[in-house]
Amino acid sequence: MELTKLPQIRIAQALLKVLGQSGWEAFTYALGYADIIDGSPPEDAARKMYQNGPMSLKSAREFTKSCETSGFLNALTPRTRTGSAENPITKMFPATLTEQRFLELLDDLSQHRTTIGYIDERETGHSLTDFTVTEMDDALPINIKNAGTRFYHAKQLVGLEPEDCVPIPAYKAHAAVDSSPNLIYVVSIDYDLLPTLQELLPKLFDENESIVWTLLNSYSGAKLRGAEDQFIFNTTRKYWERFKSVIAGNPFHVISARKAIRILHTKPDRTPGIGLRAWGTGASAEVNVHVSVKEDMTPWENVAERIDEHGIINIIRAVNKKRVEEVYDPEI
């Protein structure tokens, strides 16, 4: 959608209607601009902007003095990079839809084994855990991942076929072992999801949502991430049945953070930049442990069956399984 062809008050109204409430600076500018156009005194509009945040009262007053003629879009912070690799919002929709798919599987599991429940932690700001399955005093934290991009150099760099290769960020796995040692990654491999969404979303959104989608992809600014999350969660819930009709039900596979770190230690060649020199040859992003779906991961349906029969303690014990082995311990 080309925003330049729309009256700026129409854009502001769409942003206020779709988000309802937001700390994003673009929302605050739209809030003040709409009030000025509606006839509010500049001081009242400025104080409303200041209370909404994130800006000083002085900045809000300066904006309300001139925005009636200049609009509000020129006050926003443009995104400097908008490609899919740099723009988080294009990655967040596949992730949220994958989480929603898994949420339905959790619902099914909790109906079969009525002693378990789960906590949805996606909107709590917890970066490691999306859901926590609970049963009495036991807790199984879960991180959902959508593997949507093939690692085309996988065979060359880590010895795995591209279709059998899933990256786990090493720093996140280390952080999980420290703070949530029972954490498991539940991964859906779906290389068609993003292209499907790129075709579907422009047809799915109403006019107000299309305006906000364009704003989110075009502008940055303070508190942007909260606005992105809010928009994606809300539209995913609103259009979930439509999304379900077009996205594939690819199976989920499971690996614990502990096992990912074990692979990092015992198979350093699976981590380009550590086990071999790989920078500049297709693995120059964050340091990932590359795991094999066939050799290292367990189908979620198998995990779910074990939980259904033996409870989540069965999986927690499997995650924390130990064995005695002799290792090098150099003095020098």
Protein backbone atom coordinates (compact mmCIF):
# COMPACT_ATOMS: atom_id res chain seq x y z
CA MET A 1 0.00 0.00 0.00
CA GLU A 2 1.30 3.47 -0.92
CA LEU A 3 0.85 5.69 2.11
CA THR A 4 1.57 8.86 0.10
CA LYS A 5 -1.76 8.48 -1.67
CA LEU A 6 -3.75 8.57 1.58
CA PRO A 7 -4.64 11.56 3.77
CA GLN A 8 -2.42 11.48 6.83
CA ILE A 9 -5.40 11.67 9.17
CA ARG A 10 -6.66 8.44 7.58
CA ILE A 11 -3.29 6.80 8.32
CA ALA A 12 -3.30 8.06 11.91
CA GLN A 13 -6.85 6.83 12.50
CA ALA A 14 -5.98 3.38 11.16
CA LEU A 15 -2.96 3.12 13.46
CA LEU A 16 -5.00 4.15 16.52
CA LYS A 17 -7.85 1.80 15.67
CA VAL A 18 -5.77 -1.31 14.94
CA LEU A 19 -3.33 -1.01 17.85
CA GLY A 20 -5.73 0.60 20.30
CA GLN A 21 -2.93 1.36 22.74
CA SER A 22 0.82 1.27 22.16
CA GLY A 23 4.04 2.85 23.39
CA TRP A 24 5.48 2.92 19.86
CA GLU A 25 6.57 6.44 18.98
CA ALA A 26 4.63 6.34 15.70
CA PHE A 27 1.45 5.64 17.68
CA THR A 28 2.19 8.61 19.95
CA TYR A 29 2.68 10.93 17.00
CA ALA A 30 -0.55 9.67 15.43
CA LEU A 31 -2.34 10.21 18.74
CA GLY A 32 -1.26 13.85 18.97
CA TYR A 33 -1.87 14.55 15.30
CA ALA A 34 -5.40 13.10 15.40
CA ASP A 35 -6.21 15.21 18.47
CA ILE A 36 -4.98 18.39 16.77
CA ILE A 37 -7.01 17.67 13.62
CA ASP A 38 -10.01 16.99 15.87
CA GLY A 39 -9.69 20.48 17.36
CA SER A 40 -7.95 19.78 20.66
CA PRO A 41 -5.82 22.61 22.10
CA PRO A 42 -2.11 22.00 21.33
CA GLU A 43 -1.19 21.90 25.02
CA ASP A 44 -3.77 19.16 25.70
CA ALA A 45 -2.57 17.13 22.72
CA ALA A 46 1.07 17.56 23.78
CA ARG A 47 0.39 16.38 27.32
CA LYS A 48 -1.52 13.38 25.99
CA MET A 49 1.49 12.48 23.84
CA TYR A 50 3.87 12.93 26.76
CA GLN A 51 1.76 10.69 28.99
CA ASN A 52 1.63 8.00 26.32
CA GLY A 53 5.43 8.16 25.81
CA PRO A 54 8.17 7.81 24.81
CA MET A 55 8.98 11.51 24.37
CA SER A 56 9.58 14.63 26.36
CA LEU A 57 6.87 17.21 26.89
CA LYS A 58 9.04 19.75 25.07
CA SER A 59 9.25 17.52 21.97
CA ALA A 60 5.52 16.90 22.06
CA ARG A 61 4.80 20.65 22.26
CA GLU A 62 7.08 21.36 19.29
CA PHE A 63 5.31 18.69 17.25
CA THR A 64 1.78 19.93 18.01
CA LYS A 65 2.68 23.47 16.91
CA SER A 66 3.32 22.44 13.29
CA CYS A 67 1.74 19.04 12.69
CA GLU A 68 -1.62 20.38 11.48
CA THR A 69 0.06 21.55 8.28
CA SER A 70 3.04 19.18 8.07
CA GLY A 71 1.33 15.95 9.14
CA PHE A 72 2.95 13.29 11.31
CA LEU A 73 4.72 10.88 8.93
CA ASN A 74 7.75 13.15 8.52
CA ALA A 75 8.31 12.95 12.29
CA LEU A 76 8.67 9.17 12.22
CA THR A 77 11.95 7.26 12.09
CA PRO A 78 12.30 5.40 8.75
CA ARG A 79 13.66 1.87 8.72
CA THR A 80 17.14 2.05 7.26
CA ARG A 81 16.99 -1.58 6.12
CA THR A 82 13.75 -3.22 5.08
CA GLY A 83 14.81 -6.53 3.50
CA SER A 84 13.55 -9.75 5.07
CA ALA A 85 16.95 -10.52 6.57
CA GLU A 86 17.10 -7.17 8.41
CA ASN A 87 13.42 -6.56 9.15
CA PRO A 88 12.26 -8.65 12.13
CA ILE A 89 8.56 -8.36 11.36
CA THR A 90 8.88 -10.54 8.25
CA LYS A 91 10.30 -13.31 10.47
CA MET A 92 7.85 -12.87 13.32
CA PHE A 93 4.72 -13.94 11.45
CA PRO A 94 6.10 -17.42 10.58
CA ALA A 95 7.29 -17.79 14.18
CA THR A 96 3.92 -16.78 15.66
CA LEU A 97 1.95 -19.04 13.32
CA THR A 98 4.25 -21.96 14.20
CA GLU A 99 3.66 -21.26 17.89
CA GLN A 100 -0.09 -21.17 17.31
CA ARG A 101 0.06 -24.55 15.58
CA PHE A 102 1.93 -26.00 18.53
CA LEU A 103 -0.53 -24.43 20.97
CA GLU A 104 -3.27 -26.59 19.47
CA LEU A 105 -1.12 -29.68 20.05
CA LEU A 106 -0.67 -28.63 23.69
CA ASP A 107 -4.43 -28.29 24.01
CA ASP A 108 -4.86 -31.82 22.67
CA LEU A 109 -2.22 -33.16 25.06
CA SER A 110 -3.78 -31.48 28.10
CA GLN A 111 -7.15 -33.00 27.21
CA HIS A 112 -5.65 -36.51 27.07
CA ARG A 113 -3.67 -36.14 30.31
CA THR A 114 -5.79 -33.91 32.51
CA THR A 115 -3.12 -33.54 35.23
CA ILE A 116 -0.98 -31.30 33.03
CA GLY A 117 -1.44 -27.67 32.18
CA TYR A 118 0.61 -25.07 30.39
CA ILE A 119 1.56 -21.42 30.70
CA ASP A 120 1.73 -19.24 27.58
CA GLU A 121 4.79 -17.03 28.13
CA ARG A 122 5.06 -15.43 24.71
CA GLU A 123 3.83 -12.01 25.84
CA THR A 124 5.68 -11.93 29.15
CA GLY A 125 8.98 -10.78 27.66
CA HIS A 126 10.70 -14.08 28.47
CA SER A 127 13.12 -14.52 25.59
CA LEU A 128 13.94 -18.21 26.11
CA THR A 129 10.56 -19.80 26.82
CA ASP A 130 7.37 -19.70 24.76
CA PHE A 131 5.35 -22.23 26.77
CA THR A 132 5.89 -24.05 30.05
CA VAL A 133 4.10 -27.37 30.53
CA THR A 134 3.36 -28.04 34.20
CA GLU A 135 2.36 -31.08 36.21
CA MET A 136 2.28 -30.86 40.01
CA ASP A 137 5.75 -29.53 40.96
CA ASP A 138 7.35 -30.34 37.59
CA ALA A 139 7.86 -27.85 34.78
CA LEU A 140 8.99 -28.39 31.18
CA PRO A 141 9.94 -25.11 29.41
CA ILE A 142 9.53 -25.12 25.64
CA ASN A 143 10.94 -22.88 22.94
CA ILE A 144 9.21 -23.08 19.55
CA LYS A 145 11.26 -22.59 16.41
CA ASN A 146 10.35 -22.31 12.75
CA ALA A 147 13.20 -23.43 10.50
CA GLY A 148 12.21 -21.64 7.33
CA THR A 149 15.50 -21.21 5.45
CA ARG A 150 17.65 -23.97 4.01
CA PHE A 151 21.33 -23.94 4.89
CA TYR A 152 22.49 -24.60 1.34
CA HIS A 153 26.15 -25.00 2.37
CA ALA A 154 25.29 -27.53 5.09
CA LYS A 155 26.94 -30.50 3.36
CA GLN A 156 30.12 -28.55 2.71
CA LEU A 157 30.38 -26.88 6.11
CA VAL A 158 28.78 -29.19 8.70
CA GLY A 159 28.46 -32.53 6.93
CA LEU A 160 24.65 -32.61 6.91
CA GLU A 161 22.21 -32.54 4.03
CA PRO A 162 20.38 -29.19 3.81
CA GLU A 163 17.03 -30.93 4.35
CA ASP A 164 18.38 -32.64 7.50
CA CYS A 165 19.95 -29.59 9.13
CA VAL A 166 18.50 -27.36 11.83
CA PRO A 167 20.46 -24.46 13.43
CA ILE A 168 20.28 -23.85 17.18
CA PRO A 169 21.89 -20.55 18.32
CA ALA A 170 24.75 -21.52 20.63
CA TYR A 171 24.43 -18.54 22.95
CA LYS A 172 20.71 -19.20 23.48
CA ALA A 173 21.32 -22.86 24.25
CA HIS A 174 24.02 -21.90 26.76
CA ALA A 175 21.69 -19.36 28.37
CA ALA A 176 18.92 -21.96 28.57
CA VAL A 177 21.15 -24.54 30.25
CA ASP A 178 22.08 -21.93 32.85
CA SER A 179 18.61 -20.55 33.59
CA SER A 180 16.12 -23.17 32.29
CA PRO A 181 18.08 -26.45 32.24
CA ASN A 182 15.05 -28.58 31.32
CA LEU A 183 14.27 -26.51 28.21
CA ILE A 184 13.47 -28.28 24.96
CA TYR A 185 13.35 -26.83 21.46
CA VAL A 186 10.33 -27.88 19.41
CA VAL A 187 11.07 -27.20 15.75
CA SER A 188 8.93 -27.13 12.61
CA ILE A 189 10.82 -27.26 9.33
CA ASP A 190 8.75 -25.41 6.75
CA TYR A 191 10.53 -23.80 3.81
CA ASP A 192 7.25 -22.85 2.11
CA LEU A 193 5.70 -20.89 4.98
CA LEU A 194 7.25 -17.47 4.33
CA PRO A 195 6.51 -17.45 0.56
CA THR A 196 2.95 -18.56 1.35
CA LEU A 197 2.51 -15.71 3.82
CA GLN A 198 4.02 -13.14 1.47
CA GLU A 199 1.28 -14.01 -1.01
CA LEU A 200 -1.53 -14.35 1.53
CA LEU A 201 -1.11 -11.36 3.85
CA PRO A 202 -1.86 -8.56 1.33
CA LYS A 203 -5.13 -10.34 0.46
CA LEU A 204 -6.06 -11.06 4.07
CA PHE A 205 -5.79 -7.72 5.85
CA ASP A 206 -8.56 -5.14 5.82
CA GLU A 207 -7.67 -1.59 4.81
CA ASN A 208 -6.78 -0.43 8.32
CA GLU A 209 -4.55 -3.46 8.90
CA SER A 210 -2.87 -2.95 5.53
CA ILE A 211 -2.02 0.63 6.50
CA VAL A 212 -0.53 -0.47 9.83
CA TRP A 213 1.36 -3.35 8.18
CA THR A 214 2.94 -0.84 5.78
CA LEU A 215 3.84 1.48 8.66
CA LEU A 216 5.45 -1.34 10.63
CA ASN A 217 7.52 -2.36 7.64
CA SER A 218 8.49 1.22 6.75
CA TYR A 219 9.24 2.88 10.09
CA SER A 220 11.26 2.12 13.19
CA GLY A 221 11.46 4.10 16.44
CA ALA A 222 11.24 3.56 20.19
CA LYS A 223 9.00 0.73 21.45
CA LEU A 224 8.58 -0.68 17.92
CA ARG A 225 8.95 -4.31 19.04
CA GLY A 226 5.89 -4.10 21.28
CA ALA A 227 3.79 -2.77 18.39
CA GLU A 228 5.04 -5.54 16.11
CA ASP A 229 4.17 -8.21 18.69
CA GLN A 230 0.74 -6.71 19.30
CA PHE A 231 -0.12 -6.52 15.60
CA ILE A 232 1.08 -10.04 14.83
CA PHE A 233 -0.55 -11.70 17.85
CA ASN A 234 -3.87 -9.96 17.20
CA THR A 235 -4.05 -10.70 13.47
CA THR A 236 -2.89 -14.29 13.97
CA ARG A 237 -5.76 -14.88 16.39
CA LYS A 238 -8.26 -13.02 14.21
CA TYR A 239 -7.42 -14.90 11.00
CA TRP A 240 -6.25 -18.20 12.48
CA GLU A 241 -8.78 -20.37 10.63
CA ARG A 242 -7.77 -18.75 7.35
CA PHE A 243 -4.09 -19.27 8.11
CA LYS A 244 -4.74 -22.91 8.98
CA SER A 245 -6.35 -23.52 5.62
CA VAL A 246 -3.23 -22.59 3.67
CA ILE A 247 -0.21 -23.46 5.82
CA ALA A 248 1.17 -26.96 5.91
CA GLY A 249 0.93 -29.07 9.05
CA ASN A 250 4.61 -29.98 9.04
CA PRO A 251 5.63 -32.25 11.94
CA PHE A 252 7.51 -30.91 14.95
CA HIS A 253 10.84 -32.33 16.12
CA VAL A 254 12.42 -31.97 19.55
CA ILE A 255 15.92 -31.49 20.94
CA SER A 256 16.89 -30.24 24.39
CA ALA A 257 19.21 -27.28 24.99
CA ARG A 258 21.45 -29.71 26.91
CA LYS A 259 21.75 -32.00 23.90
CA ALA A 260 22.53 -29.07 21.60
CA ILE A 261 25.38 -28.06 23.90
CA ARG A 262 26.54 -31.68 24.05
CA ILE A 263 26.76 -31.68 20.23
CA LEU A 264 28.66 -28.39 20.36
CA HIS A 265 31.23 -29.96 22.69
CA THR A 266 31.58 -33.35 21.03
CA LYS A 267 31.09 -32.40 17.37
CA PRO A 268 32.66 -28.95 16.93
CA ASP A 269 32.59 -29.45 13.16
CA ARG A 270 28.82 -28.88 13.42
CA THR A 271 29.49 -25.27 14.44
CA PRO A 272 31.14 -23.24 11.67
CA GLY A 273 33.56 -20.72 13.09
CA ILE A 274 34.55 -23.07 15.91
CA GLY A 275 35.20 -26.47 14.36
CA LEU A 276 36.34 -25.07 11.02
CA ARG A 277 36.97 -21.77 9.34
CA ALA A 278 33.67 -20.84 7.76
CA TRP A 279 33.31 -17.09 7.77
CA GLY A 280 32.58 -15.73 4.34
CA THR A 281 31.50 -19.11 3.00
CA GLY A 282 27.82 -19.10 3.92
CA ALA A 283 27.86 -19.25 7.72
CA SER A 284 28.84 -15.75 8.76
CA ALA A 285 25.83 -14.92 10.95
CA GLU A 286 25.46 -15.82 14.64
CA VAL A 287 27.21 -18.96 15.87
CA ASN A 288 24.85 -21.92 15.48
CA VAL A 289 25.04 -25.56 16.48
CA HIS A 290 23.73 -27.52 13.50
CA VAL A 291 21.80 -30.63 14.48
CA SER A 292 20.54 -33.52 12.39
CA VAL A 293 16.79 -34.02 12.33
CA LYS A 294 17.21 -37.75 11.71
CA GLU A 295 20.05 -38.45 14.14
CA ASP A 296 19.71 -35.89 16.92
CA MET A 297 16.03 -34.98 17.18
CA THR A 298 12.92 -36.83 18.39
CA PRO A 299 9.48 -36.44 16.76
CA TRP A 300 7.10 -34.44 18.96
CA GLU A 301 4.47 -37.16 18.62
CA ASN A 302 6.85 -39.56 20.41
CA VAL A 303 7.48 -37.02 23.16
CA ALA A 304 3.75 -36.38 23.51
CA GLU A 305 3.06 -40.12 23.82
CA ARG A 306 5.62 -40.39 26.62
CA ILE A 307 4.11 -37.43 28.44
CA ASP A 308 0.62 -38.84 28.02
CA GLU A 309 1.68 -42.20 29.46
CA HIS A 310 4.31 -41.25 32.07
CA GLY A 311 4.01 -37.50 32.66
CA ILE A 312 6.41 -34.66 31.95
CA ILE A 313 8.86 -36.03 34.53
CA ASN A 314 9.70 -38.71 31.97
CA ILE A 315 10.94 -36.05 29.53
CA ILE A 316 12.70 -34.05 32.23
CA ARG A 317 14.65 -37.16 33.24
CA ALA A 318 15.51 -37.83 29.59
CA VAL A 319 16.81 -34.26 29.19
CA ASN A 320 18.98 -34.65 32.30
CA LYS A 321 20.26 -38.16 31.61
CA LYS A 322 23.92 -38.57 32.61
CA ARG A 323 26.70 -41.06 32.03
CA VAL A 324 30.25 -41.41 33.31
CA GLU A 325 33.02 -40.96 30.76
CA GLU A 326 36.73 -40.26 30.71
CA VAL A 327 37.66 -36.88 29.31
CA TYR A 328 40.87 -34.91 28.82
CA ASP A 329 41.67 -32.62 31.76
CA PRO A 330 45.03 -31.05 30.83
CA GLU A 331 47.19 -29.57 33.52
CA ILE A 332 49.14 -27.70 30.85
